[in-house]
């Protein structure tokens, strides 16, 4: 029994030390806000956007035109100050930002420093949005682990069809004809643009983010440290890290991104950053350079822009992968 306990302790502490790796150069960027920053997206090498807020009390949308070194707040028409958590780039003419209480904001990318509010009749927490035609899209809402809905909407966000579920929904990923929605204990799949949905085999965590990584390969993360991989466009999932395993360190994930089939990165609470160079066979930790929770990430060929709690923005040179 003594030897078994000693082996487990060695395994735990040994695996932690082997995963540590010093980061490349990190630059802290001034955001001008103390609001939590949840999402970041660049539409070019120089032009990018950040969304954030403080739940019911304040929201913010930031813009950069110099690749992320300087950010300025944008104006929001008819702003109700509820937090904004997700950005979606439709095309060169339109970008969406969504958040609490059914709020959908639109920027027409015409040089105007202004977002327009489209208020819906349903007051739910909008988690994600996607348009497969200019007049037809899907909106994901979810709250409190026990409720989620998938809404088919028109170009103004007005609901055409609604499907509800008894678990929270968080993220939407579109891969060709395969539409996937992740949530509390499940990942759903549709092959008909959201008309019908079925459960995949994903289970065992609160799945908050998904991403693609090369032909047919997808990744998903659970809030409590689970990592899933799919090699068939999301029809089935394999667990590569079990967040419920008592022999593994407890990690809290927030986002995942892949640069290509081999190089990926996961960010999480209290400055957690993990990366892989070999398609997820192994993940290594970077030494922590902040205690803020890290939420949003955008990968360039040689760097990452990361956003987090209390207005934190970091530019990380990704020489480590």
Foldseek 3Di string as FASTA:
>chain_A
DVVVVVVLVCLAVVVQVVQEDAFFDKDWAFQPFQFWWFAKDAPDQFWIKIWTADAQAAIWIWITRGRPRDIDTFAEPPDNGGGWHDKADQDCQWIWIFFFQQWIWIDRNPPHRYIYTQHEPGGFTWQDKDAPDCFWIWTWGFDDQQKIKIFIGTNSRYGPDIDMGGGGWHDWDDDPQWIWIFAAFFIWIDNHRPPDIDTEPGGQAGWHEKEAAEQQWIWIAGQFGWIWITNHVPNYIDTPDHSPDPSYDTFGWAYKYAPHQFWIWTFFAQQWIWIGRGRSNDIHTYDGPGGFTWRYWDDDPFWIWITTGRGIIMIGGRPVD
